[in-house]
């Protein structure tokens, strides 16, 4: 994140303070996520002391830092602090992945985060710094892809997604999905890799074919008339946490949150059953999807949802799951160029795009059969 973006974020934090009457802290410090723990930890402590003035004179030995998780974009750290009065306090520090501002609109994320947090989702937003944010610590575990298939959790996720979709966030209420896809396409189709092997693989991609796929999907989804709602847009297992003792579910990380189509948010969630390994044998079948739909459409009376409503949502969601494959395939190409994280993003592109091609005929036929009803 550049200096200009950092100060834009600071101004937004100040506005959040005014809007909600709670102190949103800020710091200009940055933390290099590629540092080893011995080199990173002193910087983390320095950041904590800079942001939380009451900790500024604490001995460094009172800070304990552990890595909670790290997907293929960000790093999450838990900082435990033993205060002078004997209290033990824990916060979460999220370090943005390098160059992620090339893909993620951080100003849009911060704008969304303040309202999502105020509505009681996820952790409490405490502050921002040069390349990340600070939040309260959630005493919960992150879900794994198999967890998302558990019927009890399916119902909880569906209900919480419905609540998320009812959020009202200031700004344009127009769906951003296709704007984002075309932006991703423009960037993904104009890359040049220094690595000769990657460049050779990249050249095998027909971007004319990908572009045609985007236009065809947009034409079809326009016919579905999916409601525009405030969407998470990245509800994979790593962005869902649960406190088993309290039986409380949390939706976290709002980097891609924006107004979008209901069908996309649910279809994208189903596609993420496959995990980063892209095992699409785990994609939910019709009965599993219907269980989700019932608790989403009528959280208080899931068994009273009309069959016609389930049918329509089934078509809507599975068509939009194809859009999900295209979006994240393009995302994978851009990450292959800019991300230093050890993950085969090029392979991820082909796995997502090939799954789109594998399921296209089935879902297009489904749409043609059901749309007249």
Protein backbone atom coordinates (compact mmCIF):
# COMPACT_ATOMS: atom_id res chain seq x y z
CA UNK A 1 0.00 0.00 0.00
CA UNK A 2 1.45 3.35 -1.00
CA UNK A 3 1.56 6.44 1.17
CA UNK A 4 -1.45 8.02 -0.52
CA UNK A 5 -3.58 4.93 0.05
CA UNK A 6 -2.39 4.75 3.65
CA UNK A 7 -3.56 8.28 4.38
CA UNK A 8 -6.85 7.68 2.56
CA UNK A 9 -7.35 4.78 4.93
CA UNK A 10 -6.50 6.99 7.91
CA UNK A 11 -9.12 9.54 6.84
CA UNK A 12 -11.64 6.72 6.56
CA UNK A 13 -10.75 5.53 10.04
CA UNK A 14 -11.29 9.04 11.37
CA UNK A 15 -14.70 9.07 9.68
CA UNK A 16 -15.51 5.72 11.26
CA UNK A 17 -14.62 7.22 14.65
CA UNK A 18 -17.05 10.08 14.02
CA UNK A 19 -19.79 7.78 12.73
CA UNK A 20 -19.71 5.23 15.50
CA UNK A 21 -18.23 7.06 18.45
CA UNK A 22 -15.51 4.46 18.97
CA UNK A 23 -11.81 5.12 18.63
CA UNK A 24 -10.32 3.72 15.44
CA UNK A 25 -6.56 3.74 15.94
CA UNK A 26 -3.99 4.25 13.20
CA UNK A 27 -0.27 4.01 12.56
CA UNK A 28 1.94 4.71 9.55
CA UNK A 29 4.19 1.70 10.34
CA UNK A 30 4.36 -1.23 7.95
CA UNK A 31 5.34 -4.84 8.59
CA UNK A 32 7.12 -6.95 5.97
CA UNK A 33 5.17 -10.27 5.94
CA UNK A 34 8.15 -12.08 4.43
CA UNK A 35 10.24 -11.58 7.60
CA UNK A 36 11.06 -14.55 9.80
CA UNK A 37 9.41 -14.54 13.27
CA UNK A 38 12.59 -13.40 15.08
CA UNK A 39 12.82 -10.41 12.75
CA UNK A 40 9.08 -9.73 12.52
CA UNK A 41 8.16 -9.91 16.21
CA UNK A 42 10.04 -6.75 17.30
CA UNK A 43 8.25 -4.83 14.54
CA UNK A 44 4.89 -6.21 15.67
CA UNK A 45 5.60 -5.12 19.24
CA UNK A 46 6.65 -1.68 18.01
CA UNK A 47 3.38 -1.42 16.07
CA UNK A 48 1.34 -2.39 19.14
CA UNK A 49 3.08 0.20 21.29
CA UNK A 50 2.59 2.85 18.63
CA UNK A 51 -1.13 2.17 18.25
CA UNK A 52 -2.04 1.39 21.88
CA UNK A 53 -0.46 4.14 23.94
CA UNK A 54 -1.20 2.38 27.24
CA UNK A 55 1.21 -0.34 26.15
CA UNK A 56 4.00 2.02 25.07
CA UNK A 57 6.09 1.52 28.24
CA UNK A 58 5.53 -2.21 28.65
CA UNK A 59 8.55 -4.49 28.50
CA UNK A 60 8.76 -6.48 25.28
CA UNK A 61 8.60 -9.70 27.32
CA UNK A 62 4.93 -8.96 28.04
CA UNK A 63 4.04 -9.52 24.36
CA UNK A 64 3.52 -13.02 22.95
CA UNK A 65 3.03 -13.40 19.20
CA UNK A 66 1.79 -16.42 17.31
CA UNK A 67 0.69 -17.02 13.76
CA UNK A 68 -2.98 -17.97 13.74
CA UNK A 69 -3.33 -18.67 10.04
CA UNK A 70 -2.22 -17.60 6.64
CA UNK A 71 -4.09 -18.40 3.49
CA UNK A 72 -2.83 -17.63 0.02
CA UNK A 73 -3.32 -13.88 0.41
CA UNK A 74 -2.90 -12.62 3.99
CA UNK A 75 -1.21 -13.47 7.28
CA UNK A 76 -3.09 -13.48 10.59
CA UNK A 77 -1.28 -13.00 13.90
CA UNK A 78 -2.49 -13.23 17.49
CA UNK A 79 -0.79 -10.86 19.93
CA UNK A 80 -1.29 -11.60 23.63
CA UNK A 81 -0.37 -8.81 26.04
CA UNK A 82 0.06 -9.01 29.79
CA UNK A 83 -0.82 -5.54 31.06
CA UNK A 84 0.60 -3.93 34.18
CA UNK A 85 -2.67 -4.45 36.07
CA UNK A 86 -2.40 -8.19 35.45
CA UNK A 87 -5.04 -8.35 32.71
CA UNK A 88 -4.34 -10.54 29.72
CA UNK A 89 -5.50 -8.99 26.45
CA UNK A 90 -5.42 -10.47 22.95
CA UNK A 91 -5.74 -8.74 19.58
CA UNK A 92 -5.51 -9.89 15.99
CA UNK A 93 -3.20 -8.32 13.42
CA UNK A 94 -3.90 -9.00 9.76
CA UNK A 95 -1.04 -8.34 7.37
CA UNK A 96 -2.06 -7.77 3.79
CA UNK A 97 -0.27 -9.91 1.25
CA UNK A 98 2.31 -8.06 -0.85
CA UNK A 99 0.88 -6.32 -3.93
CA UNK A 100 -2.70 -7.28 -3.03
CA UNK A 101 -3.75 -3.66 -3.53
CA UNK A 102 -3.26 -4.43 -7.25
CA UNK A 103 -6.41 -6.56 -6.99
CA UNK A 104 -8.20 -5.42 -3.83
CA UNK A 105 -9.80 -2.01 -3.39
CA UNK A 106 -8.62 -1.29 0.16
CA UNK A 107 -10.69 1.85 0.48
CA UNK A 108 -13.82 -0.12 -0.42
CA UNK A 109 -12.81 -2.80 2.07
CA UNK A 110 -12.36 -0.32 4.92
CA UNK A 111 -15.63 1.40 4.09
CA UNK A 112 -17.40 -1.95 4.26
CA UNK A 113 -15.55 -3.17 7.36
CA UNK A 114 -16.70 -0.32 9.58
CA UNK A 115 -20.36 -1.04 8.83
CA UNK A 116 -20.01 -4.82 8.93
CA UNK A 117 -18.26 -4.62 12.31
CA UNK A 118 -20.85 -2.18 13.63
CA UNK A 119 -23.56 -4.70 12.69
CA UNK A 120 -21.93 -7.32 14.90
CA UNK A 121 -20.22 -9.51 12.33
CA UNK A 122 -16.76 -10.95 12.96
CA UNK A 123 -14.24 -9.16 15.12
CA UNK A 124 -14.40 -5.58 16.34
CA UNK A 125 -12.37 -3.28 14.12
CA UNK A 126 -9.77 -1.50 16.26
CA UNK A 127 -7.45 0.22 13.81
CA UNK A 128 -5.33 0.28 10.69
CA UNK A 129 -1.67 0.61 9.82
CA UNK A 130 0.41 0.90 6.67
CA UNK A 131 -0.27 -2.60 5.32
CA UNK A 132 -2.89 -4.16 7.51
CA UNK A 133 -5.55 -3.83 10.17
CA UNK A 134 -5.98 -4.60 13.85
CA UNK A 135 -9.08 -6.30 15.24
CA UNK A 136 -10.26 -7.84 18.45
CA UNK A 137 -9.33 -11.50 18.88
CA UNK A 138 -12.07 -14.04 18.26
CA UNK A 139 -11.86 -17.11 20.46
CA UNK A 140 -12.89 -19.54 17.74
CA UNK A 141 -11.47 -22.00 15.25
CA UNK A 142 -11.33 -21.56 11.51
CA UNK A 143 -13.38 -24.02 9.50
CA UNK A 144 -11.85 -26.51 7.11
CA UNK A 145 -13.52 -27.34 3.77
CA UNK A 146 -15.04 -30.59 5.14
CA UNK A 147 -16.60 -28.63 8.03
CA UNK A 148 -18.74 -26.65 5.60
CA UNK A 149 -20.58 -29.84 4.63
CA UNK A 150 -21.75 -30.61 8.18
CA UNK A 151 -25.58 -30.18 8.16
CA UNK A 152 -25.60 -28.27 11.46
CA UNK A 153 -22.98 -25.85 10.16
CA UNK A 154 -24.68 -25.60 6.76
CA UNK A 155 -27.77 -24.26 8.50
CA UNK A 156 -25.74 -21.78 10.57
CA UNK A 157 -23.78 -20.50 7.57
CA UNK A 158 -26.97 -20.10 5.52
CA UNK A 159 -28.68 -18.09 8.27
CA UNK A 160 -25.63 -15.90 8.82
CA UNK A 161 -25.25 -15.27 5.10
CA UNK A 162 -28.89 -14.21 4.92
CA UNK A 163 -28.24 -11.76 7.77
CA UNK A 164 -25.14 -10.49 5.96
CA UNK A 165 -27.18 -9.97 2.79
CA UNK A 166 -29.57 -7.74 4.72
CA UNK A 167 -26.83 -5.24 5.59
CA UNK A 168 -27.25 -1.68 4.36
CA UNK A 169 -23.90 -0.13 3.47
CA UNK A 170 -23.73 3.48 2.20
CA UNK A 171 -22.67 4.13 -1.36
CA UNK A 172 -23.68 2.74 -4.71
CA UNK A 173 -26.12 -0.17 -4.54
CA UNK A 174 -25.17 -1.37 -8.01
CA UNK A 175 -23.63 -4.83 -8.29
CA UNK A 176 -19.87 -4.61 -8.74
CA UNK A 177 -19.34 -8.19 -9.94
CA UNK A 178 -19.02 -7.63 -13.67
CA UNK A 179 -16.94 -4.47 -13.22
CA UNK A 180 -14.53 -6.51 -11.10
CA UNK A 181 -14.43 -9.37 -13.60
CA UNK A 182 -13.65 -7.10 -16.53
CA UNK A 183 -10.95 -5.35 -14.49
CA UNK A 184 -9.43 -8.72 -13.62
CA UNK A 185 -9.62 -9.77 -17.28
CA UNK A 186 -7.84 -6.64 -18.44
CA UNK A 187 -4.99 -7.18 -16.00
CA UNK A 188 -4.80 -10.96 -16.42
CA UNK A 189 -4.65 -10.78 -20.22
CA UNK A 190 -1.71 -8.36 -20.30
CA UNK A 191 0.88 -10.12 -18.13
CA UNK A 192 4.51 -10.84 -18.86
CA UNK A 193 6.37 -13.38 -16.74
CA UNK A 194 10.11 -13.27 -16.08
CA UNK A 195 10.09 -17.02 -15.57
CA UNK A 196 10.31 -18.63 -19.02
CA UNK A 197 8.36 -21.74 -18.00
CA UNK A 198 5.52 -19.64 -16.59
CA UNK A 199 5.48 -17.47 -19.69
CA UNK A 200 5.24 -20.53 -21.94
CA UNK A 201 2.34 -21.88 -19.90
CA UNK A 202 0.66 -18.48 -19.87
CA UNK A 203 0.81 -18.28 -23.67
CA UNK A 204 -1.31 -21.43 -23.97
CA UNK A 205 -4.32 -19.51 -22.65
CA UNK A 206 -6.83 -18.26 -25.21
CA UNK A 207 -8.01 -14.96 -23.78
CA UNK A 208 -10.45 -14.58 -26.65
CA UNK A 209 -12.09 -17.78 -25.43
CA UNK A 210 -12.11 -16.50 -21.85
CA UNK A 211 -13.60 -13.18 -22.96
CA UNK A 212 -16.33 -14.96 -24.90
CA UNK A 213 -17.10 -17.03 -21.81
CA UNK A 214 -17.48 -13.87 -19.74
CA UNK A 215 -19.88 -12.29 -22.24
CA UNK A 216 -21.91 -15.48 -22.52
CA UNK A 217 -22.20 -15.81 -18.74
CA UNK A 218 -23.20 -12.20 -18.36
CA UNK A 219 -25.92 -12.65 -20.98
CA UNK A 220 -27.31 -15.72 -19.20
CA UNK A 221 -27.10 -14.37 -15.65
CA UNK A 222 -28.89 -11.20 -16.71
CA UNK A 223 -31.90 -13.43 -17.44
CA UNK A 224 -31.85 -14.89 -13.93
CA UNK A 225 -32.77 -11.60 -12.27
CA UNK A 226 -30.80 -12.49 -9.13
CA UNK A 227 -31.40 -9.97 -6.31
CA UNK A 228 -28.58 -7.51 -5.61
CA UNK A 229 -27.52 -7.73 -1.96
CA UNK A 230 -24.51 -6.75 0.09
CA UNK A 231 -22.28 -9.79 -0.42
CA UNK A 232 -19.17 -11.23 1.15
CA UNK A 233 -17.97 -12.60 -2.23
CA UNK A 234 -15.23 -14.79 -0.72
CA UNK A 235 -16.94 -17.10 1.75
CA UNK A 236 -14.43 -19.92 1.78
CA UNK A 237 -13.77 -22.06 4.86
CA UNK A 238 -10.89 -19.84 6.00
CA UNK A 239 -13.27 -16.89 6.30
CA UNK A 240 -15.67 -18.69 8.62
CA UNK A 241 -14.93 -19.31 12.29
CA UNK A 242 -16.87 -21.05 15.05
CA UNK A 243 -16.69 -21.08 18.81
CA UNK A 244 -17.73 -24.66 19.55
CA UNK A 245 -18.35 -24.02 23.25
CA UNK A 246 -20.68 -21.09 22.61
CA UNK A 247 -21.96 -22.53 19.31
CA UNK A 248 -21.39 -19.13 17.68
CA UNK A 249 -20.41 -18.68 14.04
CA UNK A 250 -18.41 -15.73 12.68
CA UNK A 251 -17.98 -14.48 9.12
CA UNK A 252 -14.65 -12.67 8.80
CA UNK A 253 -12.40 -10.88 6.25
CA UNK A 254 -14.25 -8.48 3.96
CA UNK A 255 -11.61 -7.72 1.31
CA UNK A 256 -13.96 -8.44 -1.58
CA UNK A 257 -17.25 -7.44 0.07
CA UNK A 258 -19.52 -5.28 -2.08
CA UNK A 259 -23.00 -5.15 -3.49
CA UNK A 260 -23.36 -8.13 -5.78
CA UNK A 261 -25.77 -10.85 -6.83
CA UNK A 262 -27.25 -13.23 -4.30
CA UNK A 263 -26.66 -16.15 -6.67
CA UNK A 264 -22.97 -15.34 -6.97
CA UNK A 265 -22.33 -15.18 -3.22
CA UNK A 266 -23.99 -18.55 -2.62
CA UNK A 267 -22.58 -20.18 -5.77
CA UNK A 268 -19.11 -18.96 -4.90
CA UNK A 269 -19.50 -20.40 -1.38
CA UNK A 270 -20.46 -23.79 -2.83
CA UNK A 271 -17.47 -23.73 -5.20
CA UNK A 272 -15.23 -23.21 -2.16
CA UNK A 273 -16.30 -26.58 -0.74
CA UNK A 274 -13.51 -27.85 -3.00
CA UNK A 275 -10.81 -25.98 -1.08
CA UNK A 276 -7.56 -24.72 -2.57
CA UNK A 277 -6.92 -28.23 -3.90
CA UNK A 278 -9.99 -27.79 -6.12
CA UNK A 279 -11.46 -31.21 -5.39
CA UNK A 280 -14.81 -30.65 -7.08
CA UNK A 281 -16.07 -34.04 -5.98
CA UNK A 282 -16.84 -32.09 -2.79
CA UNK A 283 -19.17 -29.64 -4.57
CA UNK A 284 -22.59 -29.99 -2.85
CA UNK A 285 -25.22 -32.13 -4.55
CA UNK A 286 -28.82 -31.04 -5.01
CA UNK A 287 -30.03 -32.31 -1.63
CA UNK A 288 -27.15 -30.59 0.17
CA UNK A 289 -27.84 -27.35 -1.68
CA UNK A 290 -31.54 -27.54 -0.86
CA UNK A 291 -30.69 -27.83 2.85
CA UNK A 292 -28.72 -24.60 2.58
CA UNK A 293 -31.46 -22.87 0.56
CA UNK A 294 -34.17 -23.72 3.09
CA UNK A 295 -32.26 -22.14 5.97
CA UNK A 296 -31.28 -19.18 3.81
CA UNK A 297 -34.72 -18.40 2.39
CA UNK A 298 -36.70 -18.93 5.59
CA UNK A 299 -34.35 -19.17 8.58
CA UNK A 300 -37.26 -19.46 11.04
CA UNK A 301 -39.35 -21.91 8.98
CA UNK A 302 -36.88 -23.79 6.74
CA UNK A 303 -39.22 -26.73 6.15
CA UNK A 304 -41.94 -24.51 4.71
CA UNK A 305 -40.00 -23.21 1.70
CA UNK A 306 -41.98 -23.86 -1.52
CA UNK A 307 -40.41 -26.30 -3.97
CA UNK A 308 -40.61 -23.68 -6.74
CA UNK A 309 -38.41 -21.29 -4.72
CA UNK A 310 -35.84 -24.04 -4.17
CA UNK A 311 -35.87 -24.87 -7.89
CA UNK A 312 -35.30 -21.28 -8.97
CA UNK A 313 -32.50 -20.71 -6.47
CA UNK A 314 -30.84 -23.98 -7.51
CA UNK A 315 -30.64 -22.77 -11.11
CA UNK A 316 -29.54 -19.27 -10.11
CA UNK A 317 -26.78 -20.44 -7.77
CA UNK A 318 -25.27 -23.09 -10.02
CA UNK A 319 -25.09 -20.75 -12.99
CA UNK A 320 -23.33 -18.19 -10.82
CA UNK A 321 -20.91 -20.86 -9.62
CA UNK A 322 -19.59 -20.82 -13.20
CA UNK A 323 -19.01 -17.07 -12.85
CA UNK A 324 -17.09 -17.79 -9.64
CA UNK A 325 -14.73 -20.09 -11.54
CA UNK A 326 -14.02 -17.42 -14.13
CA UNK A 327 -13.44 -14.68 -11.56
CA UNK A 328 -11.02 -16.65 -9.40
CA UNK A 329 -9.28 -18.18 -12.41
CA UNK A 330 -8.40 -14.64 -13.57
CA UNK A 331 -7.45 -13.73 -10.00
CA UNK A 332 -5.07 -16.70 -9.99
CA UNK A 333 -3.28 -15.43 -13.09
CA UNK A 334 -2.71 -12.00 -11.57
CA UNK A 335 -1.48 -13.53 -8.33
CA UNK A 336 0.89 -15.77 -10.30
CA UNK A 337 2.57 -12.58 -11.46
CA UNK A 338 2.60 -10.45 -8.31
CA UNK A 339 2.42 -12.74 -5.27
CA UNK A 340 5.58 -13.97 -3.50
CA UNK A 341 3.59 -16.66 -1.66
CA UNK A 342 4.60 -20.23 -2.41
CA UNK A 343 1.46 -21.38 -4.19
CA UNK A 344 0.95 -22.56 -7.77
CA UNK A 345 -1.43 -19.82 -8.91
CA UNK A 346 -1.03 -20.72 -12.58
CA UNK A 347 -2.22 -24.24 -11.85
CA UNK A 348 -5.08 -22.73 -9.86
CA UNK A 349 -6.16 -20.81 -12.97
CA UNK A 350 -6.39 -24.00 -15.02
CA UNK A 351 -8.22 -25.92 -12.29
CA UNK A 352 -10.88 -23.23 -11.94
CA UNK A 353 -11.21 -22.58 -15.68
CA UNK A 354 -11.35 -26.28 -16.52
CA UNK A 355 -14.10 -26.79 -13.96
CA UNK A 356 -16.06 -23.98 -15.61
CA UNK A 357 -15.72 -25.75 -18.96
CA UNK A 358 -16.60 -29.13 -17.45
CA UNK A 359 -19.85 -27.92 -15.88
CA UNK A 360 -20.88 -25.30 -18.45
CA UNK A 361 -23.08 -27.49 -20.67
CA UNK A 362 -24.86 -29.09 -17.70
CA UNK A 363 -25.70 -25.81 -16.02
CA UNK A 364 -26.59 -23.97 -19.21
CA UNK A 365 -28.99 -26.81 -20.07
CA UNK A 366 -30.43 -26.63 -16.57
CA UNK A 367 -31.08 -22.94 -17.01
CA UNK A 368 -32.78 -23.40 -20.37
CA UNK A 369 -35.03 -26.08 -18.89
CA UNK A 370 -36.05 -24.18 -15.76
CA UNK A 371 -36.12 -20.53 -16.80
CA UNK A 372 -39.53 -20.76 -18.55
CA UNK A 373 -41.11 -21.85 -15.24
